[in-house]
Amino acid sequence: MQVLDDHNAPVVRSLCDAIVPGSGRVWPEVYVDALLARMPDGDRAATLDAIAALEHGPLSERAFTPEFMLVRALACEAFYSDFVAPGAPGPGAWSEIGFTLPLAARLDKDWSYLGVSG
């Protein structure tokens, strides 16, 4: 982890899994952490503030807030991009939703641009 600490990483996983059920198995916090590391300082701070704002209390009470929408976008991107962190149990979203087109099956997903390899 480059940005998220021992407290925030499980919070991000929990939020992602609550927003996109099942996404916790791909370890979305690794994807979100990699994005955070590449964000401008102001955007990173705003995203960390959004995560902190959603940490406590029911998400249903915050569903249409800017903080929720930001974390929701990250959760969806982390899962539906078919990201699976190295060592995560998976499977990724594409197999779950049946995205098995011949061209998609031939893709070699390379997350090195995010600093994630494995």
N, C-alpha and C. Protein backbone atom coordinates (compact mmCIF):
# COMPACT_ATOMS: atom_id res chain seq x y z
N MET A 1 0.83 -1.18 0.00
CA MET A 1 0.00 0.00 0.00
C MET A 1 0.88 1.25 0.00
N GLN A 2 0.45 2.20 -0.80
CA GLN A 2 1.22 3.44 -0.93
C GLN A 2 0.58 4.60 -0.18
N VAL A 3 -0.74 4.61 -0.11
CA VAL A 3 -1.46 5.72 0.52
C VAL A 3 -2.32 5.23 1.68
N LEU A 4 -3.07 4.19 1.45
CA LEU A 4 -3.96 3.68 2.49
C LEU A 4 -3.15 3.00 3.59
N ASP A 5 -3.56 3.24 4.82
CA ASP A 5 -2.86 2.63 5.95
C ASP A 5 -3.64 1.42 6.46
N ASP A 6 -3.16 0.86 7.56
CA ASP A 6 -3.77 -0.36 8.10
C ASP A 6 -5.22 -0.14 8.54
N HIS A 7 -5.58 1.09 8.79
CA HIS A 7 -6.96 1.39 9.15
C HIS A 7 -7.82 1.60 7.91
N ASN A 8 -7.33 2.41 6.98
CA ASN A 8 -8.14 2.79 5.81
C ASN A 8 -8.30 1.67 4.78
N ALA A 9 -7.33 0.82 4.63
CA ALA A 9 -7.43 -0.24 3.61
C ALA A 9 -8.64 -1.14 3.86
N PRO A 10 -8.85 -1.66 5.07
CA PRO A 10 -10.05 -2.48 5.28
C PRO A 10 -11.35 -1.68 5.19
N VAL A 11 -11.29 -0.39 5.51
CA VAL A 11 -12.48 0.45 5.36
C VAL A 11 -12.86 0.55 3.89
N VAL A 12 -11.86 0.76 3.03
CA VAL A 12 -12.13 0.85 1.59
C VAL A 12 -12.69 -0.48 1.08
N ARG A 13 -12.12 -1.59 1.50
CA ARG A 13 -12.63 -2.90 1.06
C ARG A 13 -14.08 -3.07 1.50
N SER A 14 -14.36 -2.71 2.74
CA SER A 14 -15.71 -2.85 3.27
C SER A 14 -16.70 -1.95 2.52
N LEU A 15 -16.32 -0.71 2.27
CA LEU A 15 -17.19 0.20 1.53
C LEU A 15 -17.44 -0.31 0.12
N CYS A 16 -16.38 -0.75 -0.55
CA CYS A 16 -16.53 -1.27 -1.91
C CYS A 16 -17.46 -2.48 -1.92
N ASP A 17 -17.30 -3.36 -0.95
CA ASP A 17 -18.12 -4.56 -0.90
C ASP A 17 -19.58 -4.24 -0.58
N ALA A 18 -19.79 -3.20 0.22
CA ALA A 18 -21.16 -2.80 0.53
C ALA A 18 -21.83 -2.15 -0.68
N ILE A 19 -21.07 -1.42 -1.47
CA ILE A 19 -21.61 -0.71 -2.62
C ILE A 19 -21.73 -1.64 -3.83
N VAL A 20 -20.72 -2.49 -4.03
CA VAL A 20 -20.71 -3.46 -5.12
C VAL A 20 -20.53 -4.84 -4.47
N PRO A 21 -21.65 -5.48 -4.07
CA PRO A 21 -21.55 -6.75 -3.36
C PRO A 21 -20.70 -7.78 -4.10
N GLY A 22 -19.81 -8.40 -3.35
CA GLY A 22 -18.91 -9.40 -3.91
C GLY A 22 -17.56 -8.85 -4.32
N SER A 23 -17.44 -7.53 -4.38
CA SER A 23 -16.19 -6.94 -4.87
C SER A 23 -15.05 -7.08 -3.88
N GLY A 24 -15.35 -7.33 -2.62
CA GLY A 24 -14.28 -7.48 -1.63
C GLY A 24 -13.31 -8.59 -1.96
N ARG A 25 -13.77 -9.60 -2.69
CA ARG A 25 -12.91 -10.75 -2.99
C ARG A 25 -11.80 -10.43 -3.98
N VAL A 26 -11.86 -9.27 -4.66
CA VAL A 26 -10.79 -8.90 -5.59
C VAL A 26 -9.82 -7.91 -4.94
N TRP A 27 -10.03 -7.59 -3.69
CA TRP A 27 -9.23 -6.65 -2.93
C TRP A 27 -9.19 -5.28 -3.62
N PRO A 28 -10.34 -4.62 -3.73
CA PRO A 28 -10.42 -3.35 -4.43
C PRO A 28 -9.59 -2.25 -3.80
N GLU A 29 -9.24 -2.40 -2.54
CA GLU A 29 -8.41 -1.39 -1.88
C GLU A 29 -7.04 -1.26 -2.54
N VAL A 30 -6.56 -2.33 -3.14
CA VAL A 30 -5.27 -2.28 -3.85
C VAL A 30 -5.40 -1.38 -5.07
N TYR A 31 -6.48 -1.52 -5.81
CA TYR A 31 -6.75 -0.68 -6.98
C TYR A 31 -6.94 0.78 -6.56
N VAL A 32 -7.77 1.00 -5.55
CA VAL A 32 -8.03 2.36 -5.08
C VAL A 32 -6.75 3.00 -4.56
N ASP A 33 -5.95 2.26 -3.84
CA ASP A 33 -4.68 2.77 -3.33
C ASP A 33 -3.76 3.19 -4.48
N ALA A 34 -3.70 2.39 -5.52
CA ALA A 34 -2.86 2.72 -6.68
C ALA A 34 -3.36 4.00 -7.35
N LEU A 35 -4.67 4.17 -7.45
CA LEU A 35 -5.21 5.41 -8.02
C LEU A 35 -4.89 6.60 -7.13
N LEU A 36 -5.07 6.42 -5.83
CA LEU A 36 -4.78 7.51 -4.88
C LEU A 36 -3.33 7.97 -4.99
N ALA A 37 -2.43 7.04 -5.17
CA ALA A 37 -1.01 7.37 -5.25
C ALA A 37 -0.69 8.23 -6.48
N ARG A 38 -1.54 8.16 -7.50
CA ARG A 38 -1.29 8.89 -8.74
C ARG A 38 -2.14 10.15 -8.88
N MET A 39 -2.97 10.43 -7.89
CA MET A 39 -3.83 11.62 -7.93
C MET A 39 -3.07 12.85 -7.49
N PRO A 40 -3.48 14.01 -7.99
CA PRO A 40 -2.95 15.25 -7.42
C PRO A 40 -3.31 15.34 -5.94
N ASP A 41 -2.52 16.06 -5.18
CA ASP A 41 -2.69 16.11 -3.73
C ASP A 41 -4.11 16.50 -3.30
N GLY A 42 -4.69 17.49 -3.94
CA GLY A 42 -6.03 17.94 -3.57
C GLY A 42 -7.09 16.88 -3.81
N ASP A 43 -6.99 16.19 -4.93
CA ASP A 43 -7.93 15.11 -5.24
C ASP A 43 -7.77 13.95 -4.28
N ARG A 44 -6.52 13.64 -3.95
CA ARG A 44 -6.25 12.54 -3.00
C ARG A 44 -6.86 12.87 -1.65
N ALA A 45 -6.64 14.10 -1.18
CA ALA A 45 -7.19 14.51 0.12
C ALA A 45 -8.71 14.46 0.12
N ALA A 46 -9.32 14.91 -0.96
CA ALA A 46 -10.79 14.88 -1.05
C ALA A 46 -11.31 13.45 -1.05
N THR A 47 -10.62 12.56 -1.72
CA THR A 47 -11.04 11.16 -1.76
C THR A 47 -10.89 10.51 -0.40
N LEU A 48 -9.79 10.78 0.28
CA LEU A 48 -9.60 10.24 1.63
C LEU A 48 -10.65 10.80 2.58
N ASP A 49 -11.01 12.07 2.42
CA ASP A 49 -12.07 12.66 3.24
C ASP A 49 -13.41 11.99 2.96
N ALA A 50 -13.68 11.67 1.69
CA ALA A 50 -14.93 10.99 1.32
C ALA A 50 -14.99 9.61 1.96
N ILE A 51 -13.88 8.91 1.93
CA ILE A 51 -13.82 7.58 2.56
C ILE A 51 -14.10 7.69 4.05
N ALA A 52 -13.47 8.67 4.69
CA ALA A 52 -13.66 8.88 6.13
C ALA A 52 -15.10 9.25 6.44
N ALA A 53 -15.73 10.03 5.58
CA ALA A 53 -17.11 10.45 5.82
C ALA A 53 -18.09 9.29 5.75
N LEU A 54 -17.75 8.27 4.98
CA LEU A 54 -18.64 7.12 4.81
C LEU A 54 -18.35 5.98 5.78
N GLU A 55 -17.28 6.11 6.52
CA GLU A 55 -16.84 5.00 7.37
C GLU A 55 -17.85 4.63 8.45
N HIS A 56 -18.51 5.60 9.02
CA HIS A 56 -19.43 5.34 10.14
C HIS A 56 -20.86 5.62 9.72
N GLY A 57 -21.74 4.81 10.20
CA GLY A 57 -23.15 5.03 9.93
C GLY A 57 -23.60 4.33 8.68
N PRO A 58 -24.91 4.22 8.52
CA PRO A 58 -25.45 3.51 7.36
C PRO A 58 -25.22 4.26 6.06
N LEU A 59 -24.78 3.54 5.04
CA LEU A 59 -24.57 4.15 3.72
C LEU A 59 -25.87 4.66 3.13
N SER A 60 -26.97 4.03 3.48
CA SER A 60 -28.26 4.44 2.91
C SER A 60 -28.59 5.89 3.23
N GLU A 61 -28.08 6.40 4.32
CA GLU A 61 -28.33 7.79 4.68
C GLU A 61 -27.43 8.76 3.91
N ARG A 62 -26.45 8.23 3.23
CA ARG A 62 -25.50 9.08 2.50
C ARG A 62 -25.49 8.78 0.99
N ALA A 63 -26.48 8.03 0.53
CA ALA A 63 -26.47 7.48 -0.83
C ALA A 63 -26.34 8.51 -1.94
N PHE A 64 -26.81 9.70 -1.76
CA PHE A 64 -26.75 10.68 -2.85
C PHE A 64 -25.82 11.84 -2.55
N THR A 65 -24.93 11.64 -1.61
CA THR A 65 -23.95 12.67 -1.29
C THR A 65 -22.79 12.60 -2.27
N PRO A 66 -22.08 13.69 -2.44
CA PRO A 66 -20.89 13.66 -3.31
C PRO A 66 -19.86 12.63 -2.84
N GLU A 67 -19.73 12.47 -1.54
CA GLU A 67 -18.76 11.50 -1.01
C GLU A 67 -19.12 10.08 -1.43
N PHE A 68 -20.40 9.75 -1.31
CA PHE A 68 -20.85 8.42 -1.70
C PHE A 68 -20.63 8.21 -3.19
N MET A 69 -21.00 9.19 -3.99
CA MET A 69 -20.88 9.04 -5.44
C MET A 69 -19.42 8.85 -5.86
N LEU A 70 -18.50 9.53 -5.19
CA LEU A 70 -17.08 9.37 -5.50
C LEU A 70 -16.61 7.96 -5.16
N VAL A 71 -16.92 7.50 -3.96
CA VAL A 71 -16.49 6.16 -3.55
C VAL A 71 -17.20 5.09 -4.39
N ARG A 72 -18.45 5.33 -4.74
CA ARG A 72 -19.18 4.41 -5.61
C ARG A 72 -18.49 4.27 -6.97
N ALA A 73 -18.06 5.38 -7.53
CA ALA A 73 -17.37 5.34 -8.83
C ALA A 73 -16.08 4.52 -8.71
N LEU A 74 -15.34 4.71 -7.64
CA LEU A 74 -14.10 3.95 -7.44
C LEU A 74 -14.39 2.47 -7.25
N ALA A 75 -15.43 2.16 -6.49
CA ALA A 75 -15.79 0.75 -6.25
C ALA A 75 -16.19 0.06 -7.54
N CYS A 76 -16.99 0.74 -8.34
CA CYS A 76 -17.43 0.16 -9.62
C CYS A 76 -16.24 -0.03 -10.56
N GLU A 77 -15.38 0.97 -10.64
CA GLU A 77 -14.22 0.87 -11.52
C GLU A 77 -13.29 -0.25 -11.07
N ALA A 78 -13.06 -0.35 -9.76
CA ALA A 78 -12.16 -1.38 -9.24
C ALA A 78 -12.67 -2.78 -9.57
N PHE A 79 -13.97 -2.97 -9.51
CA PHE A 79 -14.51 -4.31 -9.74
C PHE A 79 -14.78 -4.58 -11.21
N TYR A 80 -15.50 -3.70 -11.86
CA TYR A 80 -15.94 -4.00 -13.22
C TYR A 80 -14.86 -3.81 -14.30
N SER A 81 -13.71 -3.30 -13.90
CA SER A 81 -12.58 -3.30 -14.82
C SER A 81 -11.94 -4.68 -14.88
N ASP A 82 -12.42 -5.59 -14.05
CA ASP A 82 -11.95 -6.96 -13.92
C ASP A 82 -10.61 -7.04 -13.22
N PHE A 83 -10.35 -6.05 -12.38
CA PHE A 83 -9.14 -6.07 -11.56
C PHE A 83 -9.26 -7.15 -10.50
N VAL A 84 -8.19 -7.91 -10.32
CA VAL A 84 -8.05 -8.85 -9.21
C VAL A 84 -6.63 -8.64 -8.69
N ALA A 85 -6.52 -8.19 -7.46
CA ALA A 85 -5.20 -7.92 -6.88
C ALA A 85 -4.39 -9.20 -6.77
N PRO A 86 -3.07 -9.08 -6.90
CA PRO A 86 -2.22 -10.27 -6.71
C PRO A 86 -2.48 -10.90 -5.34
N GLY A 87 -2.78 -12.18 -5.36
CA GLY A 87 -3.06 -12.91 -4.13
C GLY A 87 -4.52 -12.94 -3.72
N ALA A 88 -5.36 -12.11 -4.34
CA ALA A 88 -6.78 -12.08 -4.00
C ALA A 88 -7.46 -13.35 -4.51
N PRO A 89 -8.48 -13.82 -3.80
CA PRO A 89 -9.12 -15.06 -4.21
C PRO A 89 -9.90 -14.96 -5.52
N GLY A 90 -10.41 -13.73 -5.86
CA GLY A 90 -11.18 -13.60 -7.09
C GLY A 90 -12.41 -14.49 -7.05
N PRO A 91 -13.03 -14.77 -8.14
CA PRO A 91 -12.69 -14.33 -9.49
C PRO A 91 -13.10 -12.88 -9.71
N GLY A 92 -12.68 -12.36 -10.86
CA GLY A 92 -13.03 -11.01 -11.23
C GLY A 92 -14.46 -10.90 -11.70
N ALA A 93 -14.87 -9.69 -11.94
CA ALA A 93 -16.26 -9.40 -12.32
C ALA A 93 -16.65 -10.01 -13.65
N TRP A 94 -15.73 -10.03 -14.60
CA TRP A 94 -16.12 -10.49 -15.94
C TRP A 94 -16.65 -11.91 -15.93
N SER A 95 -16.05 -12.79 -15.14
CA SER A 95 -16.56 -14.16 -15.10
C SER A 95 -17.90 -14.21 -14.38
N GLU A 96 -18.07 -13.36 -13.39
CA GLU A 96 -19.33 -13.33 -12.64
C GLU A 96 -20.49 -12.85 -13.50
N ILE A 97 -20.24 -11.85 -14.35
CA ILE A 97 -21.34 -11.30 -15.15
C ILE A 97 -21.44 -11.95 -16.52
N GLY A 98 -20.58 -12.93 -16.77
CA GLY A 98 -20.66 -13.67 -18.03
C GLY A 98 -20.10 -12.92 -19.22
N PHE A 99 -19.15 -12.03 -18.98
CA PHE A 99 -18.51 -11.30 -20.07
C PHE A 99 -17.41 -12.19 -20.64
N THR A 100 -17.81 -13.11 -21.50
CA THR A 100 -16.90 -14.12 -22.00
C THR A 100 -16.79 -14.08 -23.52
N LEU A 101 -16.88 -12.89 -24.08
CA LEU A 101 -16.70 -12.76 -25.52
C LEU A 101 -15.30 -13.23 -25.91
N PRO A 102 -15.13 -13.79 -27.09
CA PRO A 102 -13.81 -14.30 -27.49
C PRO A 102 -12.69 -13.25 -27.38
N LEU A 103 -12.96 -12.03 -27.79
CA LEU A 103 -11.91 -11.00 -27.69
C LEU A 103 -11.59 -10.67 -26.25
N ALA A 104 -12.59 -10.61 -25.38
CA ALA A 104 -12.36 -10.31 -23.97
C ALA A 104 -11.55 -11.42 -23.31
N ALA A 105 -11.81 -12.65 -23.70
CA ALA A 105 -11.08 -13.78 -23.11
C ALA A 105 -9.60 -13.76 -23.48
N ARG A 106 -9.26 -13.13 -24.59
CA ARG A 106 -7.86 -13.09 -25.03
C ARG A 106 -7.08 -11.94 -24.42
N LEU A 107 -7.75 -11.04 -23.74
CA LEU A 107 -7.05 -9.90 -23.15
C LEU A 107 -6.09 -10.35 -22.06
N ASP A 108 -4.91 -9.78 -22.09
CA ASP A 108 -3.95 -9.98 -21.02
C ASP A 108 -3.98 -8.71 -20.18
N LYS A 109 -4.65 -8.77 -19.05
CA LYS A 109 -4.82 -7.57 -18.23
C LYS A 109 -3.50 -7.22 -17.57
N ASP A 110 -3.06 -6.01 -17.83
CA ASP A 110 -1.78 -5.52 -17.33
C ASP A 110 -2.04 -4.29 -16.47
N TRP A 111 -1.84 -4.42 -15.19
CA TRP A 111 -2.10 -3.34 -14.26
C TRP A 111 -0.82 -2.61 -13.87
N SER A 112 0.26 -2.85 -14.61
CA SER A 112 1.54 -2.24 -14.26
C SER A 112 1.51 -0.71 -14.34
N TYR A 113 0.61 -0.17 -15.17
CA TYR A 113 0.52 1.29 -15.25
C TYR A 113 0.06 1.88 -13.91
N LEU A 114 -0.54 1.05 -13.07
CA LEU A 114 -0.93 1.49 -11.74
C LEU A 114 0.12 1.13 -10.70
N GLY A 115 1.16 0.46 -11.12
CA GLY A 115 2.17 0.02 -10.16
C GLY A 115 1.79 -1.28 -9.48
N VAL A 116 0.82 -1.98 -10.06
CA VAL A 116 0.38 -3.27 -9.51
C VAL A 116 0.79 -4.36 -10.48
N SER A 117 1.55 -5.30 -10.00
CA SER A 117 1.95 -6.41 -10.87
C SER A 117 1.79 -7.70 -10.09
N GLY A 118 1.75 -8.78 -10.81
CA GLY A 118 1.61 -10.04 -10.10
C GLY A 118 1.19 -11.07 -10.98
